[in-house]
C-alpha atoms as a PDB file:
ATOM      1  CA  MET A   1       0.000   0.000   0.000  1.00  0.00           C
ATOM      2  CA  ASN A   2       1.318   3.429  -0.928  1.00  0.00           C
ATOM      3  CA  PHE A   3       0.783   5.519   2.219  1.00  0.00           C
ATOM      4  CA  LYS A   4       1.622   8.769   0.405  1.00  0.00           C
ATOM      5  CA  LYS A   5      -1.350   8.198  -1.907  1.00  0.00           C
ATOM      6  CA  ASN A   6      -3.621   7.173   0.957  1.00  0.00           C
ATOM      7  CA  PRO A   7      -2.590   8.878   4.234  1.00  0.00           C
ATOM      8  CA  GLY A   8      -6.093   8.296   5.644  1.00  0.00           C
ATOM      9  CA  PHE A   9      -5.101   4.675   6.174  1.00  0.00           C
ATOM     10  CA  ILE A  10      -2.524   5.769   8.763  1.00  0.00           C
ATOM     11  CA  ILE A  11      -5.052   8.000  10.568  1.00  0.00           C
ATOM     12  CA  VAL A  12      -7.609   5.174  10.790  1.00  0.00           C
ATOM     13  CA  ALA A  13      -4.944   2.753  12.052  1.00  0.00           C
ATOM     14  CA  ILE A  14      -3.713   5.280  14.648  1.00  0.00           C
ATOM     15  CA  LEU A  15      -7.247   5.878  15.924  1.00  0.00           C
ATOM     16  CA  ILE A  16      -7.736   2.114  16.332  1.00  0.00           C
ATOM     17  CA  VAL A  17      -4.427   1.709  18.188  1.00  0.00           C
ATOM     18  CA  VAL A  18      -5.217   4.638  20.496  1.00  0.00           C
ATOM     19  CA  ALA A  19      -8.653   3.134  21.188  1.00  0.00           C
ATOM     20  CA  ALA A  20      -7.061  -0.238  21.993  1.00  0.00           C
ATOM     21  CA  LEU A  21      -4.578   1.401  24.348  1.00  0.00           C
ATOM     22  CA  SER A  22      -7.442   3.189  26.119  1.00  0.00           C
ATOM     23  CA  ARG A  23      -8.267  -0.249  27.560  1.00  0.00           C
ATOM     24  CA  LEU A  24      -5.268   0.313  29.854  1.00  0.00           C
ATOM     25  CA  LEU A  25      -6.969   3.280  31.525  1.00  0.00           C
ATOM     26  CA  PRO A  26      -9.257   2.686  34.512  1.00  0.00           C
ATOM     27  CA  HIS A  27     -12.818   2.107  33.316  1.00  0.00           C
ATOM     28  CA  PRO A  28     -16.054   0.463  34.436  1.00  0.00           C
ATOM     29  CA  PRO A  29     -16.283  -3.267  33.617  1.00  0.00           C
ATOM     30  CA  ASN A  30     -17.092  -3.863  29.923  1.00  0.00           C
ATOM     31  CA  PHE A  31     -16.912  -0.141  29.050  1.00  0.00           C
ATOM     32  CA  THR A  32     -14.334  -0.796  26.347  1.00  0.00           C
ATOM     33  CA  PRO A  33     -13.545   0.182  22.745  1.00  0.00           C
ATOM     34  CA  ILE A  34     -13.737  -3.393  21.430  1.00  0.00           C
ATOM     35  CA  GLY A  35     -17.001  -3.084  19.494  1.00  0.00           C
ATOM     36  CA  GLY A  36     -16.181   0.431  18.275  1.00  0.00           C
ATOM     37  CA  MET A  37     -12.761  -0.665  16.998  1.00  0.00           C
ATOM     38  CA  ALA A  38     -14.231  -3.567  15.034  1.00  0.00           C
ATOM     39  CA  LEU A  39     -16.962  -1.399  13.509  1.00  0.00           C
ATOM     40  CA  PHE A  40     -14.629   1.494  12.712  1.00  0.00           C
ATOM     41  CA  GLY A  41     -12.132  -0.775  10.964  1.00  0.00           C
ATOM     42  CA  ALA A  42     -14.913  -2.548   9.053  1.00  0.00           C
ATOM     43  CA  ALA A  43     -16.371   0.744   7.858  1.00  0.00           C
ATOM     44  CA  HIS A  44     -13.148   2.446   6.790  1.00  0.00           C
ATOM     45  CA  PHE A  45     -10.621  -0.060   5.463  1.00  0.00           C
ATOM     46  CA  LYS A  46     -11.265  -0.652   1.779  1.00  0.00           C
ATOM     47  CA  LYS A  47      -9.195  -3.832   1.813  1.00  0.00           C
ATOM     48  CA  LYS A  48     -11.424  -5.931   4.044  1.00  0.00           C
ATOM     49  CA  HIS A  49      -8.604  -8.148   5.326  1.00  0.00           C
ATOM     50  CA  LEU A  50      -7.178  -4.993   6.941  1.00  0.00           C
ATOM     51  CA  ALA A  51     -10.543  -4.379   8.631  1.00  0.00           C
ATOM     52  CA  PHE A  52      -9.835  -7.553  10.592  1.00  0.00           C
ATOM     53  CA  ILE A  53      -6.048  -7.641  10.879  1.00  0.00           C
ATOM     54  CA  ILE A  54      -5.317  -4.127  12.178  1.00  0.00           C
ATOM     55  CA  PRO A  55      -8.045  -3.994  14.868  1.00  0.00           C
ATOM     56  CA  LEU A  56      -7.334  -7.620  15.885  1.00  0.00           C
ATOM     57  CA  VAL A  57      -3.612  -6.945  16.271  1.00  0.00           C
ATOM     58  CA  ALA A  58      -4.375  -3.805  18.305  1.00  0.00           C
ATOM     59  CA  LEU A  59      -6.746  -5.824  20.517  1.00  0.00           C
ATOM     60  CA  TRP A  60      -4.167  -8.591  20.916  1.00  0.00           C
ATOM     61  CA  ILE A  61      -1.388  -6.163  21.888  1.00  0.00           C
ATOM     62  CA  SER A  62      -3.632  -4.490  24.457  1.00  0.00           C
ATOM     63  CA  ASP A  63      -4.534  -7.966  25.799  1.00  0.00           C
ATOM     64  CA  LEU A  64      -0.837  -8.828  26.115  1.00  0.00           C
ATOM     65  CA  ILE A  65      -0.245  -5.686  28.168  1.00  0.00           C
ATOM     66  CA  LEU A  66      -3.371  -6.102  30.286  1.00  0.00           C
ATOM     67  CA  ASN A  67      -2.964  -9.808  30.980  1.00  0.00           C
ATOM     68  CA  ASN A  68       0.777  -9.799  31.626  1.00  0.00           C
ATOM     69  CA  ILE A  69       1.419  -6.439  33.242  1.00  0.00           C
ATOM     70  CA  VAL A  70      -1.806  -4.964  34.611  1.00  0.00           C
ATOM     71  CA  TYR A  71      -3.390  -8.273  35.691  1.00  0.00           C
ATOM     72  CA  GLY A  72      -0.186 -10.344  35.687  1.00  0.00           C
ATOM     73  CA  ALA A  73      -0.548 -11.379  39.329  1.00  0.00           C
ATOM     74  CA  TYR A  74      -3.743 -13.266  38.442  1.00  0.00           C
ATOM     75  CA  TYR A  75      -2.148 -15.479  35.772  1.00  0.00           C
ATOM     76  CA  ASP A  76       0.314 -18.346  36.030  1.00  0.00           C
ATOM     77  CA  GLY A  77       3.048 -17.634  33.517  1.00  0.00           C
ATOM     78  CA  PHE A  78       2.829 -15.553  30.372  1.00  0.00           C
ATOM     79  CA  SER A  79      -0.597 -15.151  28.765  1.00  0.00           C
ATOM     80  CA  TRP A  80      -0.453 -14.976  24.964  1.00  0.00           C
ATOM     81  CA  MET A  81      -4.135 -14.300  24.356  1.00  0.00           C
ATOM     82  CA  GLY A  82      -7.274 -13.091  26.027  1.00  0.00           C
ATOM     83  CA  MET A  83     -10.590 -14.916  26.084  1.00  0.00           C
ATOM     84  CA  PRO A  84     -11.189 -16.663  22.715  1.00  0.00           C
ATOM     85  CA  MET A  85     -14.880 -15.687  22.721  1.00  0.00           C
ATOM     86  CA  VAL A  86     -13.878 -12.003  22.834  1.00  0.00           C
ATOM     87  CA  TYR A  87     -11.901 -12.521  19.627  1.00  0.00           C
ATOM     88  CA  ALA A  88     -14.756 -14.493  18.065  1.00  0.00           C
ATOM     89  CA  ALA A  89     -17.184 -11.703  18.976  1.00  0.00           C
ATOM     90  CA  PHE A  90     -14.741  -9.139  17.587  1.00  0.00           C
ATOM     91  CA  ILE A  91     -14.564 -10.954  14.239  1.00  0.00           C
ATOM     92  CA  LEU A  92     -18.364 -11.333  14.035  1.00  0.00           C
ATOM     93  CA  ILE A  93     -18.798  -7.644  14.885  1.00  0.00           C
ATOM     94  CA  ALA A  94     -16.413  -6.687  12.073  1.00  0.00           C
ATOM     95  CA  ILE A  95     -18.267  -8.961   9.622  1.00  0.00           C
ATOM     96  CA  MET A  96     -21.593  -7.467  10.684  1.00  0.00           C
ATOM     97  CA  GLY A  97     -20.121  -3.956  10.463  1.00  0.00           C
ATOM     98  CA  THR A  98     -19.178  -4.430   6.805  1.00  0.00           C
ATOM     99  CA  SER A  99     -22.875  -5.108   6.056  1.00  0.00           C
ATOM    100  CA  VAL A 100     -24.592  -2.587   8.315  1.00  0.00           C
ATOM    101  CA  ILE A 101     -22.209   0.341   7.777  1.00  0.00           C
ATOM    102  CA  LYS A 102     -21.958   0.400   3.994  1.00  0.00           C
ATOM    103  CA  LYS A 103     -22.390   4.165   4.281  1.00  0.00           C
ATOM    104  CA  VAL A 104     -21.179   5.980   7.403  1.00  0.00           C
ATOM    105  CA  LYS A 105     -24.271   7.645   8.857  1.00  0.00           C
ATOM    106  CA  VAL A 106     -25.133   8.238  12.491  1.00  0.00           C
ATOM    107  CA  SER A 107     -28.127   5.888  12.292  1.00  0.00           C
ATOM    108  CA  ASN A 108     -26.022   3.085  10.785  1.00  0.00           C
ATOM    109  CA  VAL A 109     -23.301   3.488  13.415  1.00  0.00           C
ATOM    110  CA  ILE A 110     -25.840   3.467  16.270  1.00  0.00           C
ATOM    111  CA  LEU A 111     -27.607   0.384  14.869  1.00  0.00           C
ATOM    112  CA  ALA A 112     -24.300  -1.435  14.319  1.00  0.00           C
ATOM    113  CA  SER A 113     -23.135  -0.492  17.839  1.00  0.00           C
ATOM    114  CA  LEU A 114     -26.277  -1.934  19.409  1.00  0.00           C
ATOM    115  CA  ILE A 115     -25.957  -5.140  17.381  1.00  0.00           C
ATOM    116  CA  ALA A 116     -22.249  -5.301  18.320  1.00  0.00           C
ATOM    117  CA  SER A 117     -23.128  -5.076  22.015  1.00  0.00           C
ATOM    118  CA  SER A 118     -25.599  -7.939  21.628  1.00  0.00           C
ATOM    119  CA  ILE A 119     -23.082 -10.115  19.761  1.00  0.00           C
ATOM    120  CA  PHE A 120     -20.464  -9.446  22.431  1.00  0.00           C
ATOM    121  CA  PHE A 121     -22.916 -10.186  25.269  1.00  0.00           C
ATOM    122  CA  LEU A 122     -24.161 -13.429  23.722  1.00  0.00           C
ATOM    123  CA  LEU A 123     -20.751 -14.847  22.800  1.00  0.00           C
ATOM    124  CA  THR A 124     -18.717 -13.827  25.842  1.00  0.00           C
ATOM    125  CA  ASN A 125     -21.341 -15.004  28.317  1.00  0.00           C
ATOM    126  CA  MET A 126     -21.564 -18.287  26.431  1.00  0.00           C
ATOM    127  CA  GLY A 127     -17.779 -18.498  26.754  1.00  0.00           C
ATOM    128  CA  SER A 128     -18.006 -17.833  30.493  1.00  0.00           C
ATOM    129  CA  TRP A 129     -20.618 -20.566  30.814  1.00  0.00           C
ATOM    130  CA  TRP A 130     -18.418 -23.008  28.933  1.00  0.00           C
ATOM    131  CA  ALA A 131     -15.174 -22.159  30.767  1.00  0.00           C
ATOM    132  CA  ASN A 132     -16.476 -21.611  34.299  1.00  0.00           C
ATOM    133  CA  PRO A 133     -16.992 -24.832  36.277  1.00  0.00           C
ATOM    134  CA  LEU A 134     -19.548 -23.051  38.496  1.00  0.00           C
ATOM    135  CA  TYR A 135     -22.102 -23.160  35.654  1.00  0.00           C
ATOM    136  CA  PRO A 136     -23.679 -26.540  34.885  1.00  0.00           C
ATOM    137  CA  LYS A 137     -23.259 -27.431  31.203  1.00  0.00           C
ATOM    138  CA  THR A 138     -27.007 -27.368  30.611  1.00  0.00           C
ATOM    139  CA  LEU A 139     -29.441 -24.881  29.143  1.00  0.00           C
ATOM    140  CA  LEU A 140     -30.243 -23.782  32.672  1.00  0.00           C
ATOM    141  CA  GLY A 141     -26.540 -23.176  33.321  1.00  0.00           C
ATOM    142  CA  LEU A 142     -26.286 -21.151  30.099  1.00  0.00           C
ATOM    143  CA  GLY A 143     -29.287 -19.124  31.228  1.00  0.00           C
ATOM    144  CA  GLU A 144     -27.562 -18.501  34.559  1.00  0.00           C
ATOM    145  CA  ALA A 145     -24.479 -17.222  32.735  1.00  0.00           C
ATOM    146  CA  TYR A 146     -26.601 -14.812  30.685  1.00  0.00           C
ATOM    147  CA  VAL A 147     -28.439 -13.580  33.777  1.00  0.00           C
ATOM    148  CA  ALA A 148     -25.108 -13.050  35.566  1.00  0.00           C
ATOM    149  CA  GLY A 149     -23.919 -10.988  32.591  1.00  0.00           C
ATOM    150  CA  ILE A 150     -26.908  -8.619  32.526  1.00  0.00           C
ATOM    151  CA  PRO A 151     -25.361  -6.079  34.953  1.00  0.00           C
ATOM    152  CA  PHE A 152     -22.414  -5.691  32.535  1.00  0.00           C
ATOM    153  CA  PHE A 153     -24.554  -5.395  29.399  1.00  0.00           C
ATOM    154  CA  LEU A 154     -25.445  -1.722  29.948  1.00  0.00           C
ATOM    155  CA  ASN A 155     -21.724  -0.887  30.189  1.00  0.00           C
ATOM    156  CA  THR A 156     -21.111  -2.822  26.965  1.00  0.00           C
ATOM    157  CA  ILE A 157     -23.829  -0.860  25.172  1.00  0.00           C
ATOM    158  CA  THR A 158     -22.618   2.459  26.588  1.00  0.00           C
ATOM    159  CA  GLY A 159     -18.986   1.656  25.754  1.00  0.00           C
ATOM    160  CA  ASP A 160     -19.794   0.594  22.194  1.00  0.00           C
ATOM    161  CA  LEU A 161     -21.872   3.723  21.570  1.00  0.00           C
ATOM    162  CA  PHE A 162     -19.268   5.987  23.199  1.00  0.00           C
ATOM    163  CA  PHE A 163     -16.204   4.571  21.448  1.00  0.00           C
ATOM    164  CA  SER A 164     -17.989   4.274  18.107  1.00  0.00           C
ATOM    165  CA  GLY A 165     -18.983   7.915  18.446  1.00  0.00           C
ATOM    166  CA  VAL A 166     -15.441   8.955  19.369  1.00  0.00           C
ATOM    167  CA  LEU A 167     -13.788   6.941  16.581  1.00  0.00           C
ATOM    168  CA  PHE A 168     -16.221   7.785  13.792  1.00  0.00           C
ATOM    169  CA  GLY A 169     -16.629  11.386  14.985  1.00  0.00           C
ATOM    170  CA  SER A 170     -12.893  12.009  15.344  1.00  0.00           C
ATOM    171  CA  TYR A 171     -12.202  10.699  11.873  1.00  0.00           C
ATOM    172  CA  GLU A 172     -14.988  12.799  10.350  1.00  0.00           C
ATOM    173  CA  LEU A 173     -13.582  15.910  12.060  1.00  0.00           C
ATOM    174  CA  ILE A 174     -10.076  15.107  10.841  1.00  0.00           C
ATOM    175  CA  LYS A 175     -11.333  14.598   7.266  1.00  0.00           C
ATOM    176  CA  ARG A 176     -13.230  17.895   7.319  1.00  0.00           C
ATOM    177  CA  GLN A 177     -10.217  19.798   8.636  1.00  0.00           C
ATOM    178  CA  TYR A 178      -7.686  17.946   6.462  1.00  0.00           C
ATOM    179  CA  PRO A 179      -9.402  16.406   3.381  1.00  0.00           C
ATOM    180  CA  VAL A 180      -6.138  14.724   2.372  1.00  0.00           C
ATOM    181  CA  TYR A 181      -6.796  12.187   5.179  1.00  0.00           C
ATOM    182  CA  ALA A 182      -9.966  10.835   3.641  1.00  0.00           C
ATOM    183  CA  ILE A 183      -9.394   7.199   2.655  1.00  0.00           C
ATOM    184  CA  LYS A 184      -9.442   6.867  -1.096  1.00  0.00           C
END
């Protein structure tokens, strides 16, 4: 890719990396940029493989820092990856984002953010049910995992809406001020 011909690519990538690093700041549980990063990458990278690779790498790097430095005392040894269901949700959110946000409009971003929150809630709570021995591996146990996740769902929705707004809004402001940074 010729970055001189398409400097907007760098701006989008930087915004995603900054969002991923914001996970290192103190925040309420599940108030994270994960959904916003996936949607923003899906909406702005023309080469769709980059819509997955760049946000996923940013997520992975932030997981490495969080799991090995911030929360290192809670893990035995070095942790190479976060929860697999978070990555699965991230990929599904990006896939969904490529369909829902064909044109960047506030209504599309809000709709995609709400769907992203639901995908994240459903997959990560299913992952908790599967991985946590406290939940019986029955439909009732799965229901218990979803009920236990409800208090975190509002933070997921709020975080997805907030970070989507910040990412999409920041990029729109940058493009208006400096049209050269619009992805071509």
